[in-house]
Amino acid sequence: MRIRIVGDEVLREKAAGIEKFDEELKQLVEEMFDTMHEADGIGLAAPQVGLSIRLLVTDTSELEKGTQPTAFINPQIVASEGESTFEEGCLSIPGVREEVTRPEKITLEYQTVDGVKKKEDFEGWQARVLQHEIDHLDGVLFIDYLSPVKKKLIASQLTAAQIA
């Protein structure tokens, strides 16, 4: 799978919900995990590989004990609390890293690859990665949180990423 880079229209689309839970979906999830790991990523949303559907995968196991690679289908944040600022990067915006403020803890409703509905609380790295990837499902990039001045300062990096 090819990771789409900033400037690709699919990254700005609102992704469609998933209704069919089958072997094809499970295969897609495996391919996304492979693509994410090959790119040394810790999260990947379907729009980043050109698919405008509400699917993302994460693997923060190297950053947080007790976490494991997980696929999230049709995720929706239903509650959040606290605030945390941390530097983020994105596989779709190579070479750019900036500080972003997000809620520290979230409650998430989602489905598994088998269609089972779940509601879970997340914090730390997992919460941040989930919020970043859910943004992708809504056509939002982490650079959208930056001030106009900061966006001007990184404009040349964004242009370089688009033409690289």
N, C-alpha and C. Protein backbone atom coordinates (compact mmCIF):
# COMPACT_ATOMS: atom_id res chain seq x y z
N MET A 1 0.84 -1.18 0.00
CA MET A 1 0.00 0.00 0.00
C MET A 1 0.89 1.24 0.00
N ARG A 2 0.42 2.27 -0.68
CA ARG A 2 1.18 3.52 -0.77
C ARG A 2 0.58 4.54 0.18
N ILE A 3 1.42 5.16 1.00
CA ILE A 3 0.95 6.20 1.92
C ILE A 3 0.79 7.50 1.15
N ARG A 4 -0.38 8.09 1.26
CA ARG A 4 -0.69 9.35 0.58
C ARG A 4 -0.07 10.51 1.35
N ILE A 5 0.39 11.50 0.60
CA ILE A 5 1.10 12.65 1.16
C ILE A 5 0.21 13.89 1.11
N VAL A 6 0.45 14.80 2.07
CA VAL A 6 -0.30 16.05 2.14
C VAL A 6 -0.44 16.64 0.74
N GLY A 7 -1.64 17.10 0.41
CA GLY A 7 -1.93 17.59 -0.93
C GLY A 7 -2.85 16.62 -1.67
N ASP A 8 -2.83 15.33 -1.28
CA ASP A 8 -3.73 14.34 -1.87
C ASP A 8 -5.14 14.60 -1.35
N GLU A 9 -6.10 14.70 -2.25
CA GLU A 9 -7.47 15.05 -1.90
C GLU A 9 -8.12 14.09 -0.91
N VAL A 10 -7.77 12.81 -0.94
CA VAL A 10 -8.40 11.83 -0.05
C VAL A 10 -8.14 12.17 1.42
N LEU A 11 -7.04 12.86 1.70
CA LEU A 11 -6.72 13.22 3.08
C LEU A 11 -7.65 14.29 3.64
N ARG A 12 -8.41 14.95 2.79
CA ARG A 12 -9.32 16.01 3.24
C ARG A 12 -10.79 15.61 3.18
N GLU A 13 -11.05 14.35 2.84
CA GLU A 13 -12.43 13.87 2.76
C GLU A 13 -12.91 13.34 4.11
N LYS A 14 -14.21 13.43 4.36
CA LYS A 14 -14.80 12.79 5.52
C LYS A 14 -15.08 11.34 5.12
N ALA A 15 -14.49 10.41 5.84
CA ALA A 15 -14.57 9.00 5.49
C ALA A 15 -15.95 8.40 5.79
N ALA A 16 -16.33 7.42 4.99
CA ALA A 16 -17.62 6.74 5.14
C ALA A 16 -17.53 5.62 6.17
N GLY A 17 -18.64 5.39 6.86
CA GLY A 17 -18.72 4.31 7.83
C GLY A 17 -18.62 2.94 7.16
N ILE A 18 -18.19 1.97 7.94
CA ILE A 18 -18.05 0.59 7.46
C ILE A 18 -19.23 -0.22 7.97
N GLU A 19 -19.86 -0.95 7.07
CA GLU A 19 -21.01 -1.76 7.44
C GLU A 19 -20.76 -3.25 7.23
N LYS A 20 -19.79 -3.59 6.40
CA LYS A 20 -19.53 -4.99 6.04
C LYS A 20 -18.28 -5.48 6.78
N PHE A 21 -18.47 -6.46 7.65
CA PHE A 21 -17.37 -7.03 8.43
C PHE A 21 -17.11 -8.44 7.91
N ASP A 22 -16.10 -8.56 7.06
CA ASP A 22 -15.84 -9.83 6.39
C ASP A 22 -14.34 -10.10 6.28
N GLU A 23 -14.00 -11.15 5.57
CA GLU A 23 -12.57 -11.51 5.40
C GLU A 23 -11.81 -10.43 4.64
N GLU A 24 -12.47 -9.77 3.73
CA GLU A 24 -11.83 -8.68 2.97
C GLU A 24 -11.40 -7.55 3.91
N LEU A 25 -12.24 -7.23 4.88
CA LEU A 25 -11.90 -6.19 5.87
C LEU A 25 -10.72 -6.66 6.72
N LYS A 26 -10.72 -7.90 7.14
CA LYS A 26 -9.62 -8.43 7.96
C LYS A 26 -8.31 -8.39 7.17
N GLN A 27 -8.37 -8.71 5.88
CA GLN A 27 -7.18 -8.66 5.03
C GLN A 27 -6.67 -7.22 4.91
N LEU A 28 -7.59 -6.28 4.73
CA LEU A 28 -7.23 -4.86 4.64
C LEU A 28 -6.53 -4.40 5.92
N VAL A 29 -7.07 -4.82 7.07
CA VAL A 29 -6.46 -4.46 8.36
C VAL A 29 -5.03 -4.98 8.42
N GLU A 30 -4.80 -6.22 8.02
CA GLU A 30 -3.44 -6.80 8.03
C GLU A 30 -2.50 -6.01 7.11
N GLU A 31 -2.99 -5.65 5.93
CA GLU A 31 -2.17 -4.87 5.00
C GLU A 31 -1.83 -3.49 5.58
N MET A 32 -2.80 -2.90 6.28
CA MET A 32 -2.53 -1.59 6.90
C MET A 32 -1.50 -1.71 8.02
N PHE A 33 -1.59 -2.77 8.83
CA PHE A 33 -0.57 -2.99 9.87
C PHE A 33 0.80 -3.14 9.23
N ASP A 34 0.90 -3.93 8.16
CA ASP A 34 2.18 -4.12 7.47
C ASP A 34 2.72 -2.80 6.95
N THR A 35 1.86 -2.00 6.32
CA THR A 35 2.27 -0.70 5.77
C THR A 35 2.75 0.22 6.88
N MET A 36 2.00 0.28 7.98
CA MET A 36 2.36 1.14 9.11
C MET A 36 3.71 0.72 9.69
N HIS A 37 3.89 -0.57 9.91
CA HIS A 37 5.15 -1.03 10.49
C HIS A 37 6.34 -0.81 9.54
N GLU A 38 6.14 -1.02 8.24
CA GLU A 38 7.21 -0.78 7.27
C GLU A 38 7.64 0.69 7.27
N ALA A 39 6.69 1.58 7.55
CA ALA A 39 6.98 3.02 7.57
C ALA A 39 7.40 3.51 8.96
N ASP A 40 7.57 2.58 9.90
CA ASP A 40 7.92 2.91 11.28
C ASP A 40 6.90 3.84 11.93
N GLY A 41 5.64 3.62 11.62
CA GLY A 41 4.57 4.41 12.21
C GLY A 41 3.97 3.74 13.42
N ILE A 42 3.18 4.51 14.19
CA ILE A 42 2.48 3.97 15.36
C ILE A 42 0.96 4.08 15.18
N GLY A 43 0.54 4.66 14.07
CA GLY A 43 -0.87 4.77 13.74
C GLY A 43 -1.02 5.00 12.25
N LEU A 44 -2.12 4.49 11.68
CA LEU A 44 -2.39 4.68 10.26
C LEU A 44 -3.89 4.62 10.04
N ALA A 45 -4.42 5.63 9.37
CA ALA A 45 -5.84 5.68 9.04
C ALA A 45 -6.03 5.32 7.57
N ALA A 46 -7.17 4.71 7.27
CA ALA A 46 -7.44 4.27 5.89
C ALA A 46 -7.27 5.37 4.84
N PRO A 47 -7.70 6.63 5.10
CA PRO A 47 -7.47 7.66 4.08
C PRO A 47 -5.99 7.84 3.72
N GLN A 48 -5.11 7.52 4.66
CA GLN A 48 -3.68 7.67 4.38
C GLN A 48 -3.17 6.66 3.35
N VAL A 49 -3.96 5.62 3.09
CA VAL A 49 -3.61 4.67 2.04
C VAL A 49 -4.63 4.74 0.90
N GLY A 50 -5.35 5.87 0.83
CA GLY A 50 -6.24 6.13 -0.29
C GLY A 50 -7.65 5.60 -0.17
N LEU A 51 -8.04 5.12 1.02
CA LEU A 51 -9.37 4.56 1.22
C LEU A 51 -10.18 5.45 2.16
N SER A 52 -11.24 6.04 1.66
CA SER A 52 -12.03 6.96 2.46
C SER A 52 -13.10 6.20 3.25
N ILE A 53 -12.60 5.38 4.20
CA ILE A 53 -13.48 4.60 5.09
C ILE A 53 -13.01 4.78 6.53
N ARG A 54 -13.92 4.55 7.49
CA ARG A 54 -13.64 4.81 8.90
C ARG A 54 -12.95 3.60 9.56
N LEU A 55 -11.68 3.48 9.25
CA LEU A 55 -10.84 2.40 9.76
C LEU A 55 -9.47 2.97 10.09
N LEU A 56 -8.95 2.57 11.25
CA LEU A 56 -7.57 2.94 11.59
C LEU A 56 -6.94 1.82 12.39
N VAL A 57 -5.61 1.80 12.37
CA VAL A 57 -4.85 0.83 13.16
C VAL A 57 -3.81 1.58 13.97
N THR A 58 -3.51 1.04 15.17
CA THR A 58 -2.48 1.64 16.01
C THR A 58 -1.60 0.54 16.59
N ASP A 59 -0.37 0.92 16.92
CA ASP A 59 0.54 0.04 17.64
C ASP A 59 1.49 0.91 18.45
N THR A 60 1.14 1.12 19.70
CA THR A 60 1.97 1.94 20.60
C THR A 60 2.72 1.05 21.59
N SER A 61 2.84 -0.24 21.27
CA SER A 61 3.44 -1.20 22.21
C SER A 61 4.89 -0.89 22.56
N GLU A 62 5.61 -0.21 21.67
CA GLU A 62 7.00 0.14 21.98
C GLU A 62 7.09 1.38 22.87
N LEU A 63 5.99 2.12 22.99
CA LEU A 63 5.96 3.34 23.81
C LEU A 63 5.28 3.14 25.15
N GLU A 64 4.31 2.22 25.19
CA GLU A 64 3.53 2.00 26.41
C GLU A 64 3.36 0.51 26.66
N LYS A 65 3.75 0.08 27.85
CA LYS A 65 3.54 -1.32 28.22
C LYS A 65 2.04 -1.58 28.32
N GLY A 66 1.65 -2.78 27.96
CA GLY A 66 0.25 -3.16 28.09
C GLY A 66 -0.61 -2.84 26.88
N THR A 67 -0.05 -2.15 25.89
CA THR A 67 -0.82 -1.89 24.68
C THR A 67 -0.43 -2.91 23.62
N GLN A 68 -1.31 -3.11 22.68
CA GLN A 68 -1.02 -4.05 21.60
C GLN A 68 -1.59 -3.51 20.31
N PRO A 69 -1.11 -4.02 19.18
CA PRO A 69 -1.65 -3.56 17.90
C PRO A 69 -3.16 -3.79 17.86
N THR A 70 -3.90 -2.74 17.47
CA THR A 70 -5.36 -2.82 17.49
C THR A 70 -5.93 -2.10 16.27
N ALA A 71 -7.01 -2.68 15.73
CA ALA A 71 -7.76 -2.03 14.65
C ALA A 71 -9.03 -1.45 15.25
N PHE A 72 -9.40 -0.26 14.79
CA PHE A 72 -10.59 0.43 15.25
C PHE A 72 -11.46 0.74 14.04
N ILE A 73 -12.69 0.22 14.05
CA ILE A 73 -13.62 0.44 12.95
C ILE A 73 -14.71 1.39 13.43
N ASN A 74 -15.04 2.39 12.63
CA ASN A 74 -16.08 3.37 12.95
C ASN A 74 -15.88 4.01 14.33
N PRO A 75 -14.64 4.44 14.65
CA PRO A 75 -14.40 5.00 15.99
C PRO A 75 -15.06 6.37 16.16
N GLN A 76 -15.51 6.61 17.39
CA GLN A 76 -16.12 7.89 17.72
C GLN A 76 -15.76 8.25 19.15
N ILE A 77 -15.17 9.43 19.34
CA ILE A 77 -14.86 9.91 20.68
C ILE A 77 -16.15 10.43 21.30
N VAL A 78 -16.52 9.85 22.46
CA VAL A 78 -17.77 10.25 23.11
C VAL A 78 -17.55 11.08 24.37
N ALA A 79 -16.32 11.12 24.86
CA ALA A 79 -15.99 11.96 26.02
C ALA A 79 -14.48 12.19 26.03
N SER A 80 -14.08 13.31 26.62
CA SER A 80 -12.65 13.61 26.75
C SER A 80 -12.45 14.47 28.00
N GLU A 81 -11.22 14.45 28.51
CA GLU A 81 -10.89 15.30 29.65
C GLU A 81 -9.40 15.58 29.68
N GLY A 82 -9.06 16.64 30.39
CA GLY A 82 -7.67 17.02 30.54
C GLY A 82 -7.11 17.66 29.28
N GLU A 83 -5.83 17.95 29.34
CA GLU A 83 -5.15 18.58 28.21
C GLU A 83 -3.69 18.20 28.25
N SER A 84 -3.14 17.93 27.09
CA SER A 84 -1.75 17.53 26.97
C SER A 84 -1.19 18.11 25.67
N THR A 85 0.01 18.66 25.75
CA THR A 85 0.68 19.19 24.56
C THR A 85 1.91 18.35 24.30
N PHE A 86 2.04 17.89 23.05
CA PHE A 86 3.17 17.05 22.71
C PHE A 86 3.46 17.21 21.22
N GLU A 87 4.70 16.94 20.86
CA GLU A 87 5.10 17.03 19.46
C GLU A 87 4.55 15.85 18.67
N GLU A 88 3.95 16.14 17.52
CA GLU A 88 3.40 15.11 16.66
C GLU A 88 4.04 15.19 15.28
N GLY A 89 4.03 14.06 14.63
CA GLY A 89 4.44 13.96 13.24
C GLY A 89 3.39 13.12 12.53
N CYS A 90 3.56 12.91 11.24
CA CYS A 90 2.56 12.17 10.48
C CYS A 90 3.22 11.53 9.26
N LEU A 91 2.87 10.28 9.00
CA LEU A 91 3.41 9.60 7.83
C LEU A 91 3.01 10.30 6.53
N SER A 92 1.89 11.02 6.56
CA SER A 92 1.43 11.74 5.36
C SER A 92 2.02 13.15 5.24
N ILE A 93 2.79 13.56 6.24
CA ILE A 93 3.45 14.88 6.19
C ILE A 93 4.90 14.68 6.61
N PRO A 94 5.69 14.01 5.77
CA PRO A 94 7.07 13.68 6.14
C PRO A 94 7.92 14.93 6.41
N GLY A 95 8.74 14.81 7.45
CA GLY A 95 9.68 15.88 7.76
C GLY A 95 9.12 17.01 8.61
N VAL A 96 7.85 16.96 8.97
CA VAL A 96 7.25 18.03 9.77
C VAL A 96 6.84 17.46 11.12
N ARG A 97 7.28 18.12 12.19
CA ARG A 97 6.90 17.76 13.56
C ARG A 97 6.59 19.06 14.29
N GLU A 98 5.44 19.11 14.94
CA GLU A 98 5.04 20.31 15.68
C GLU A 98 4.25 19.92 16.92
N GLU A 99 4.23 20.81 17.89
CA GLU A 99 3.46 20.58 19.11
C GLU A 99 1.97 20.79 18.86
N VAL A 100 1.18 19.87 19.40
CA VAL A 100 -0.28 19.92 19.27
C VAL A 100 -0.88 19.65 20.65
N THR A 101 -1.89 20.45 21.01
CA THR A 101 -2.60 20.24 22.27
C THR A 101 -3.88 19.46 22.00
N ARG A 102 -4.05 18.40 22.79
CA ARG A 102 -5.23 17.54 22.65
C ARG A 102 -5.70 17.12 24.05
N PRO A 103 -6.93 16.60 24.15
CA PRO A 103 -7.36 16.04 25.42
C PRO A 103 -6.43 14.91 25.86
N GLU A 104 -6.23 14.80 27.17
CA GLU A 104 -5.31 13.81 27.73
C GLU A 104 -5.93 12.41 27.79
N LYS A 105 -7.25 12.37 28.04
CA LYS A 105 -7.97 11.10 28.15
C LYS A 105 -9.20 11.16 27.26
N ILE A 106 -9.53 10.03 26.67
CA ILE A 106 -10.74 9.96 25.83
C ILE A 106 -11.52 8.67 26.13
N THR A 107 -12.81 8.75 25.87
CA THR A 107 -13.65 7.56 25.86
C THR A 107 -14.05 7.35 24.41
N LEU A 108 -13.85 6.13 23.94
CA LEU A 108 -14.03 5.83 22.53
C LEU A 108 -15.05 4.71 22.35
N GLU A 109 -15.97 4.91 21.42
CA GLU A 109 -16.85 3.84 20.97
C GLU A 109 -16.35 3.43 19.60
N TYR A 110 -16.25 2.12 19.37
CA TYR A 110 -15.74 1.63 18.09
C TYR A 110 -16.21 0.18 17.90
N GLN A 111 -15.87 -0.37 16.76
CA GLN A 111 -16.14 -1.77 16.49
C GLN A 111 -14.84 -2.49 16.18
N THR A 112 -14.82 -3.78 16.48
CA THR A 112 -13.68 -4.62 16.16
C THR A 112 -13.82 -5.08 14.70
N VAL A 113 -12.82 -5.80 14.20
CA VAL A 113 -12.89 -6.31 12.83
C VAL A 113 -14.02 -7.33 12.65
N ASP A 114 -14.54 -7.84 13.76
CA ASP A 114 -15.67 -8.77 13.71
C ASP A 114 -17.01 -8.05 13.89
N GLY A 115 -16.97 -6.72 14.02
CA GLY A 115 -18.20 -5.95 14.16
C GLY A 115 -18.69 -5.80 15.59
N VAL A 116 -17.94 -6.32 16.55
CA VAL A 116 -18.33 -6.22 17.95
C VAL A 116 -18.17 -4.77 18.42
N LYS A 117 -19.23 -4.22 19.04
CA LYS A 117 -19.19 -2.85 19.53
C LYS A 117 -18.50 -2.81 20.89
N LYS A 118 -17.62 -1.80 21.05
CA LYS A 118 -16.89 -1.63 22.30
C LYS A 118 -16.91 -0.18 22.72
N LYS A 119 -16.74 0.03 24.01
CA LYS A 119 -16.58 1.38 24.57
C LYS A 119 -15.43 1.26 25.56
N GLU A 120 -14.41 2.10 25.34
CA GLU A 120 -13.18 1.98 26.12
C GLU A 120 -12.59 3.34 26.43
N ASP A 121 -11.88 3.43 27.55
CA ASP A 121 -11.16 4.65 27.93
C ASP A 121 -9.70 4.49 27.55
N PHE A 122 -9.12 5.58 27.06
CA PHE A 122 -7.71 5.58 26.68
C PHE A 122 -7.04 6.84 27.22
N GLU A 123 -5.75 6.72 27.53
CA GLU A 123 -4.97 7.89 27.93
C GLU A 123 -3.54 7.70 27.43
N GLY A 124 -2.71 8.70 27.66
CA GLY A 124 -1.31 8.61 27.25
C GLY A 124 -1.16 8.57 25.73
N TRP A 125 -0.15 7.83 25.30
CA TRP A 125 0.16 7.75 23.88
C TRP A 125 -1.01 7.23 23.06
N GLN A 126 -1.67 6.19 23.59
CA GLN A 126 -2.77 5.57 22.85
C GLN A 126 -3.87 6.60 22.58
N ALA A 127 -4.21 7.43 23.58
CA ALA A 127 -5.24 8.46 23.38
C ALA A 127 -4.81 9.47 22.32
N ARG A 128 -3.56 9.89 22.37
CA ARG A 128 -3.06 10.87 21.40
C ARG A 128 -3.08 10.29 19.98
N VAL A 129 -2.58 9.09 19.83
CA VAL A 129 -2.53 8.47 18.50
C VAL A 129 -3.95 8.27 17.97
N LEU A 130 -4.86 7.82 18.80
CA LEU A 130 -6.24 7.63 18.36
C LEU A 130 -6.85 8.94 17.89
N GLN A 131 -6.64 10.01 18.64
CA GLN A 131 -7.20 11.31 18.23
C GLN A 131 -6.61 11.78 16.90
N HIS A 132 -5.31 11.59 16.74
CA HIS A 132 -4.63 11.97 15.50
C HIS A 132 -5.21 11.20 14.32
N GLU A 133 -5.38 9.89 14.50
CA GLU A 133 -5.88 9.06 13.40
C GLU A 133 -7.37 9.29 13.13
N ILE A 134 -8.16 9.51 14.17
CA ILE A 134 -9.58 9.82 13.97
C ILE A 134 -9.73 11.13 13.22
N ASP A 135 -8.84 12.08 13.48
CA ASP A 135 -8.84 13.33 12.70
C ASP A 135 -8.72 13.02 11.21
N HIS A 136 -7.85 12.06 10.85
CA HIS A 136 -7.70 11.69 9.44
C HIS A 136 -9.03 11.22 8.85
N LEU A 137 -9.83 10.53 9.64
CA LEU A 137 -11.13 10.04 9.16
C LEU A 137 -12.10 11.18 8.89
N ASP A 138 -11.82 12.33 9.49
CA ASP A 138 -12.67 13.51 9.32
C ASP A 138 -12.05 14.54 8.39
N GLY A 139 -10.94 14.18 7.72
CA GLY A 139 -10.30 15.09 6.78
C GLY A 139 -9.47 16.17 7.45
N VAL A 140 -9.07 15.93 8.71
CA VAL A 140 -8.29 16.90 9.48
C VAL A 140 -6.86 16.40 9.63
N LEU A 141 -5.89 17.29 9.45
CA LEU A 141 -4.48 16.97 9.64
C LEU A 141 -3.96 17.71 10.87
N PHE A 142 -2.92 17.18 11.51
CA PHE A 142 -2.43 17.82 12.73
C PHE A 142 -1.97 19.25 12.49
N ILE A 143 -1.57 19.57 11.27
CA ILE A 143 -1.13 20.94 10.97
C ILE A 143 -2.30 21.93 11.03
N ASP A 144 -3.53 21.42 10.98
CA ASP A 144 -4.70 22.30 11.07
C ASP A 144 -4.83 22.92 12.46
N TYR A 145 -4.16 22.35 13.45
CA TYR A 145 -4.20 22.88 14.82
C TYR A 145 -3.17 23.99 15.04
N LEU A 146 -2.30 24.20 14.07
CA LEU A 146 -1.23 25.19 14.24
C LEU A 146 -1.74 26.61 13.98
N SER A 147 -1.09 27.56 14.59
CA SER A 147 -1.44 28.98 14.39
C SER A 147 -1.08 29.38 12.96
N PRO A 148 -1.72 30.43 12.44
CA PRO A 148 -1.38 30.91 11.10
C PRO A 148 0.12 31.23 10.95
N VAL A 149 0.72 31.78 11.99
CA VAL A 149 2.15 32.11 11.94
C VAL A 149 2.98 30.83 11.80
N LYS A 150 2.64 29.82 12.59
CA LYS A 150 3.37 28.55 12.55
C LYS A 150 3.20 27.88 11.18
N LYS A 151 1.98 27.96 10.62
CA LYS A 151 1.74 27.38 9.30
C LYS A 151 2.60 28.07 8.25
N LYS A 152 2.75 29.38 8.36
CA LYS A 152 3.61 30.11 7.41
C LYS A 152 5.06 29.64 7.53
N LEU A 153 5.49 29.42 8.77
CA LEU A 153 6.87 29.00 9.00
C LEU A 153 7.17 27.62 8.41
N ILE A 154 6.17 26.75 8.35
CA ILE A 154 6.41 25.40 7.82
C ILE A 154 5.92 25.24 6.38
N ALA A 155 5.45 26.29 5.77
CA ALA A 155 4.89 26.22 4.41
C ALA A 155 5.85 25.58 3.42
N SER A 156 7.12 25.94 3.49
CA SER A 156 8.08 25.37 2.55
C SER A 156 8.27 23.88 2.78
N GLN A 157 8.20 23.43 4.03
CA GLN A 157 8.30 22.00 4.32
C GLN A 157 7.09 21.25 3.74
N LEU A 158 5.91 21.86 3.84
CA LEU A 158 4.71 21.23 3.30
C LEU A 158 4.79 21.12 1.79
N THR A 159 5.27 22.16 1.15
CA THR A 159 5.43 22.14 -0.30
C THR A 159 6.44 21.08 -0.70
N ALA A 160 7.54 20.98 0.06
CA ALA A 160 8.56 19.96 -0.24
C ALA A 160 7.98 18.55 -0.08
N ALA A 161 7.13 18.34 0.92
CA ALA A 161 6.52 17.02 1.13
C ALA A 161 5.61 16.66 -0.04
N GLN A 162 4.91 17.66 -0.59
CA GLN A 162 3.98 17.42 -1.69
C GLN A 162 4.68 17.03 -2.98
N ILE A 163 5.89 17.56 -3.17
CA ILE A 163 6.58 17.29 -4.43
C ILE A 163 7.67 16.22 -4.31
N ALA A 164 7.90 15.75 -3.10
CA ALA A 164 8.95 14.73 -2.89
C ALA A 164 8.57 13.40 -3.50
